[in-house]
Protein backbone atom coordinates (compact mmCIF):
# COMPACT_ATOMS: atom_id res chain seq x y z
CA UNK A 1 202.38 97.45 61.66
CA UNK A 2 198.77 98.54 61.32
CA UNK A 3 197.66 99.97 58.01
CA UNK A 4 195.91 103.31 57.74
CA UNK A 5 192.58 101.60 57.11
CA UNK A 6 192.98 99.41 60.23
CA UNK A 7 193.88 102.49 62.27
CA UNK A 8 190.74 104.26 61.04
CA UNK A 9 188.65 101.24 62.02
CA UNK A 10 190.16 101.26 65.50
CA UNK A 11 189.49 105.00 65.87
CA UNK A 12 185.87 104.57 64.74
CA UNK A 13 185.42 101.72 67.23
CA UNK A 14 186.82 103.85 70.00
CA UNK A 15 184.51 106.74 69.15
CA UNK A 16 181.52 104.38 69.23
CA UNK A 17 182.50 103.17 72.67
CA UNK A 18 182.81 106.76 73.86
CA UNK A 19 179.74 108.27 72.21
CA UNK A 20 177.49 105.23 72.03
CA UNK A 21 176.71 102.96 69.10
CA UNK A 22 176.00 104.44 65.70
CA UNK A 23 172.38 104.93 64.72
CA UNK A 24 173.07 102.83 61.65
CA UNK A 25 173.75 99.82 63.89
CA UNK A 26 170.30 99.95 65.48
CA UNK A 27 167.92 97.30 64.26
CA UNK A 28 164.57 98.62 63.07
CA UNK A 29 162.11 98.50 65.95
CA UNK A 30 159.27 96.10 65.30
CA UNK A 31 155.79 97.26 66.39
CA UNK A 32 154.30 95.37 69.30
CA UNK A 33 151.23 93.21 68.62
CA UNK A 34 148.66 94.30 71.20
CA UNK A 35 146.96 90.98 71.86
CA UNK A 36 145.70 90.36 68.35
CA UNK A 37 143.34 93.35 68.45
CA UNK A 38 141.41 93.29 65.15
CA UNK A 39 141.78 97.08 64.96
CA UNK A 40 145.53 96.89 65.55
CA UNK A 41 146.58 97.56 61.97
CA UNK A 42 150.11 98.49 63.01
CA UNK A 43 151.69 101.38 61.11
CA UNK A 44 154.57 99.44 59.58
CA UNK A 45 156.79 100.81 56.86
CA UNK A 46 154.29 99.88 54.16
CA UNK A 47 151.28 101.31 55.99
CA UNK A 48 153.19 104.52 56.70
CA UNK A 49 153.77 104.79 52.98
CA UNK A 50 150.11 104.02 52.32
CA UNK A 51 148.10 105.79 55.07
CA UNK A 52 144.65 104.40 55.78
CA UNK A 53 142.65 107.55 55.22
CA UNK A 54 141.21 107.79 51.69
CA UNK A 55 144.03 109.68 50.05
CA UNK A 56 143.51 112.53 52.51
CA UNK A 57 139.97 113.05 51.26
CA UNK A 58 140.88 112.26 47.68
CA UNK A 59 140.13 108.92 46.03
CA UNK A 60 142.99 107.49 44.05
CA UNK A 61 146.71 107.27 44.67
CA UNK A 62 147.98 108.59 47.98
CA UNK A 63 150.16 111.61 47.84
CA UNK A 64 153.46 111.81 49.72
CA UNK A 65 153.40 114.26 52.63
CA UNK A 66 157.06 114.27 53.70
CA UNK A 67 157.89 117.71 52.29
CA UNK A 68 154.47 119.30 52.50
CA UNK A 69 154.14 122.48 54.54
CA UNK A 70 150.38 122.09 55.10
CA UNK A 71 148.83 119.68 57.58
CA UNK A 72 145.96 117.46 56.45
CA UNK A 73 142.85 119.70 56.58
CA UNK A 74 140.34 116.92 55.79
CA UNK A 75 139.73 115.69 59.39
CA UNK A 76 138.80 119.22 60.46
CA UNK A 77 136.24 119.49 57.68
CA UNK A 78 134.87 116.02 58.36
CA UNK A 79 134.49 116.73 62.08
CA UNK A 80 132.68 120.01 61.40
CA UNK A 81 130.32 118.21 59.05
CA UNK A 82 129.84 115.30 61.46
CA UNK A 83 128.87 117.31 64.53
CA UNK A 84 126.41 119.56 62.72
CA UNK A 85 124.83 116.62 60.90
CA UNK A 86 124.62 114.69 64.17
CA UNK A 87 122.70 117.45 65.94
CA UNK A 88 120.27 118.15 63.09
CA UNK A 89 119.63 114.42 62.58
CA UNK A 90 118.66 114.02 66.23
CA UNK A 91 116.23 116.90 65.82
CA UNK A 92 114.77 115.29 62.67
CA UNK A 93 114.20 112.18 64.78
CA UNK A 94 112.37 114.33 67.37
CA UNK A 95 114.78 113.16 70.06
CA UNK A 96 113.57 114.21 73.54
CA UNK A 97 110.60 115.91 71.88
CA UNK A 98 112.73 118.60 70.17
CA UNK A 99 111.41 119.44 66.70
CA UNK A 100 112.73 122.96 66.00
CA UNK A 101 116.28 123.18 64.59
CA UNK A 102 117.24 126.47 66.31
CA UNK A 103 120.15 124.97 68.27
CA UNK A 104 121.89 123.77 65.11
CA UNK A 105 122.16 127.28 63.64
CA UNK A 106 125.27 128.22 65.64
CA UNK A 107 127.09 125.03 64.71
CA UNK A 108 125.97 125.39 61.09
CA UNK A 109 127.43 128.90 60.86
CA UNK A 110 130.65 128.36 62.82
CA UNK A 111 131.74 124.72 62.74
CA UNK A 112 129.98 122.89 59.94
CA UNK A 113 129.99 126.08 57.88
CA UNK A 114 133.00 128.32 58.42
CA UNK A 115 135.48 125.69 59.64
CA UNK A 116 134.51 123.24 56.91
CA UNK A 117 134.72 125.96 54.27
CA UNK A 118 138.21 126.86 55.47
CA UNK A 119 139.21 123.19 55.38
CA UNK A 120 138.00 123.05 51.79
CA UNK A 121 140.11 126.07 50.87
CA UNK A 122 143.15 124.46 52.47
CA UNK A 123 142.43 121.28 50.51
CA UNK A 124 142.64 123.44 47.40
CA UNK A 125 145.97 124.81 48.59
CA UNK A 126 147.44 121.30 48.83
CA UNK A 127 146.16 120.43 45.35
CA UNK A 128 143.26 118.19 46.36
CA UNK A 129 140.43 118.85 43.91
CA UNK A 130 137.97 116.35 45.35
CA UNK A 131 138.53 117.47 48.94
CA UNK A 132 138.29 121.14 48.02
CA UNK A 133 135.05 120.62 46.11
CA UNK A 134 133.38 118.43 48.72
CA UNK A 135 134.37 120.25 51.91
CA UNK A 136 133.87 123.76 50.51
CA UNK A 137 130.49 122.80 49.09
CA UNK A 138 129.21 121.25 52.31
CA UNK A 139 130.59 124.19 54.26
CA UNK A 140 128.47 126.36 51.98
CA UNK A 141 125.53 124.00 52.51
CA UNK A 142 125.62 124.48 56.26
CA UNK A 143 126.02 128.26 56.02
CA UNK A 144 123.13 128.39 53.56
CA UNK A 145 120.99 126.16 55.75
CA UNK A 146 121.73 128.34 58.77
CA UNK A 147 120.68 131.43 56.80
CA UNK A 148 117.40 129.73 55.84
CA UNK A 149 116.64 128.56 59.37
CA UNK A 150 117.66 131.69 61.30
CA UNK A 151 114.43 132.86 62.99
CA UNK A 152 113.46 136.35 61.93
CA UNK A 153 116.90 137.39 60.77
CA UNK A 154 116.59 136.69 57.06
CA UNK A 155 112.79 136.25 56.98
CA UNK A 156 113.04 133.50 54.37
CA UNK A 157 110.58 131.12 56.02
CA UNK A 158 108.16 133.84 57.10
CA UNK A 159 108.09 135.41 53.63
CA UNK A 160 107.34 132.07 52.00
CA UNK A 161 104.60 131.39 54.53
CA UNK A 162 103.07 134.89 54.50
CA UNK A 163 99.43 134.51 53.39
CA UNK A 164 99.19 138.20 52.44
CA UNK A 165 101.53 137.52 49.53
CA UNK A 166 99.90 134.23 48.61
CA UNK A 167 102.28 132.13 50.69
CA UNK A 168 101.67 129.14 52.91
CA UNK A 169 103.57 126.60 54.99
CA UNK A 170 103.53 124.30 51.97
CA UNK A 171 105.47 126.90 49.94
CA UNK A 172 108.38 126.69 52.33
CA UNK A 173 108.32 122.91 52.41
CA UNK A 174 108.27 122.69 48.60
CA UNK A 175 111.11 125.22 48.33
CA UNK A 176 113.21 123.46 50.97
CA UNK A 177 112.53 120.15 49.24
CA UNK A 178 113.92 121.58 45.97
CA UNK A 179 116.99 122.71 47.90
CA UNK A 180 117.54 119.27 49.42
CA UNK A 181 117.06 117.48 46.10
CA UNK A 182 119.75 119.68 44.60
CA UNK A 183 122.14 118.51 47.32
CA UNK A 184 121.05 114.92 46.71
CA UNK A 185 122.16 115.24 43.07
CA UNK A 186 125.46 116.88 44.02
CA UNK A 187 126.23 114.24 46.66
CA UNK A 188 125.48 111.50 44.12
CA UNK A 189 128.16 112.97 41.84
CA UNK A 190 130.65 112.84 44.71
CA UNK A 191 129.51 109.29 45.52
CA UNK A 192 130.50 108.15 42.04
CA UNK A 193 134.03 109.44 42.67
CA UNK A 194 134.40 107.30 45.82
CA UNK A 195 133.82 103.96 44.10
CA UNK A 196 137.56 103.36 43.72
CA UNK A 197 138.59 104.54 47.19
CA UNK A 198 137.65 102.86 50.48
CA UNK A 199 134.52 101.24 51.88
CA UNK A 200 134.38 103.65 54.84
CA UNK A 201 134.71 106.64 52.52
CA UNK A 202 132.06 105.32 50.11
CA UNK A 203 129.59 104.57 52.90
CA UNK A 204 129.90 108.12 54.22
CA UNK A 205 128.65 109.58 50.95
CA UNK A 206 126.18 106.73 50.39
CA UNK A 207 124.34 107.34 53.67
CA UNK A 208 124.57 111.11 53.23
CA UNK A 209 122.98 110.82 49.80
CA UNK A 210 120.16 108.71 51.22
CA UNK A 211 119.65 111.29 53.96
CA UNK A 212 119.24 114.08 51.40
CA UNK A 213 116.85 111.92 49.37
CA UNK A 214 114.65 111.06 52.36
CA UNK A 215 114.59 114.63 53.66
CA UNK A 216 113.80 115.97 50.20
CA UNK A 217 110.84 113.59 49.94
CA UNK A 218 109.67 114.53 53.45
CA UNK A 219 109.56 118.24 52.61
CA UNK A 220 108.26 118.07 49.06
CA UNK A 221 105.37 115.80 50.10
CA UNK A 222 104.11 117.41 53.33
CA UNK A 223 101.17 115.97 55.25
CA UNK A 224 98.83 118.27 57.23
CA UNK A 225 101.24 121.19 56.74
CA UNK A 226 104.08 119.20 58.26
CA UNK A 227 106.96 117.30 56.61
CA UNK A 228 106.06 113.65 56.03
CA UNK A 229 107.22 111.97 59.23
CA UNK A 230 108.34 108.61 57.83
CA UNK A 231 110.91 109.97 55.33
CA UNK A 232 111.88 112.73 57.78
CA UNK A 233 112.86 110.22 60.45
CA UNK A 234 114.51 107.96 57.87
CA UNK A 235 116.58 110.97 56.83
CA UNK A 236 117.50 111.45 60.47
CA UNK A 237 118.70 107.86 60.75
CA UNK A 238 120.77 108.07 57.56
CA UNK A 239 122.12 111.43 58.73
CA UNK A 240 123.30 109.88 62.00
CA UNK A 241 125.03 107.09 60.10
CA UNK A 242 126.73 109.66 57.85
CA UNK A 243 127.82 111.68 60.89
CA UNK A 244 129.43 108.71 62.62
CA UNK A 245 131.12 107.65 59.38
CA UNK A 246 132.46 111.19 58.95
CA UNK A 247 133.94 111.01 62.46
CA UNK A 248 135.34 107.56 61.68
CA UNK A 249 137.04 108.79 58.50
CA UNK A 250 138.31 111.84 60.38
CA UNK A 251 139.87 109.60 63.03
CA UNK A 252 141.45 107.52 60.28
CA UNK A 253 142.96 110.73 58.93
CA UNK A 254 144.28 111.88 62.32
CA UNK A 255 145.61 108.61 63.78
CA UNK A 256 149.16 107.77 62.74
CA UNK A 257 152.30 106.37 64.32
CA UNK A 258 152.97 109.63 66.16
CA UNK A 259 149.77 109.55 68.24
CA UNK A 260 148.20 106.10 67.95
CA UNK A 261 149.19 102.47 68.44
CA UNK A 262 147.22 101.45 65.36
CA UNK A 263 145.88 102.88 62.13
CA UNK A 264 142.10 102.88 61.70
CA UNK A 265 141.04 100.29 59.08
CA UNK A 266 139.00 101.66 56.20
CA UNK A 267 138.74 98.56 53.92
CA UNK A 268 139.87 99.19 50.37
CA UNK A 269 137.63 98.03 47.56
CA UNK A 270 139.29 95.06 45.81
CA UNK A 271 139.08 96.85 42.44
CA UNK A 272 140.66 100.06 43.74
CA UNK A 273 144.31 100.90 43.13
CA UNK A 274 145.10 100.23 46.79
CA UNK A 275 143.19 96.96 46.82
CA UNK A 276 144.95 95.74 43.68
CA UNK A 277 148.29 96.85 45.08
CA UNK A 278 147.74 94.93 48.32
CA UNK A 279 146.94 91.83 46.25
CA UNK A 280 150.13 92.29 44.24
CA UNK A 281 148.28 93.14 41.03
CA UNK A 282 149.84 96.54 40.50
CA UNK A 283 152.77 98.61 41.76
CA UNK A 284 152.06 102.32 42.30
CA UNK A 285 155.52 103.37 43.52
CA UNK A 286 156.31 105.28 40.31
CA UNK A 287 152.97 107.11 40.39
CA UNK A 288 153.51 108.17 44.00
CA UNK A 289 157.08 109.25 43.29
CA UNK A 290 155.87 111.46 40.42
CA UNK A 291 153.62 113.37 42.86
CA UNK A 292 156.47 114.52 45.10
């Protein structure tokens, strides 16, 4: 005579046959290796726990996102910064003979400015101090730059160049050079905070800092009432590199197992927490759990 436990087992087996196998019986699906693609860093269990993007625009330990109500705002801010920087850098390089930055004003107000500023505020809402400071500040940079460059509207350039009040073209260049050097110093402070994150993240701020330095030199040392062309074009080159790296980091922040077959590699510094963890030197599980 069958015991009660045996009868329960038989009933459970019958229900499985009727309704299909239990989800607990399914083996975990292994990701497919797409031909040994060097970019195919498959989002396995470990990589899902440690996403590739630099802590969602914050160096240091990654924060769990399972119960968070906000999406990751960093890719939006990075894309706004990247496009506006890309356009202005091409103009600084005099691409196709274009030397006046009028076309960048719209993007600087709306995308690199407003959208990036909003992304910075959302970074603040999710508790990301670095992301809030960086994105909000550069959003303000682009809005401020658009205000300076708007023809006629704010009369900043014309008032500095007005000879009736003792102005000249050099006055504007010197003033704009001061402005750019201030952003060079600020970006250097942010650069210091990326030294323990990822190589891709560090290079973004490294090239951006060089762009500000070169552009500051170009404007503060004008030649024949024009910005010095060598540093100006060098700033354009470094700006393009920063723009593409911003897009790269943004893609690394967007791509995950729900929309991509691989996670974008960002190369952790060996001395960073993630680099040490991957080499088995430290275990950050407790630190991550405390951030839930």
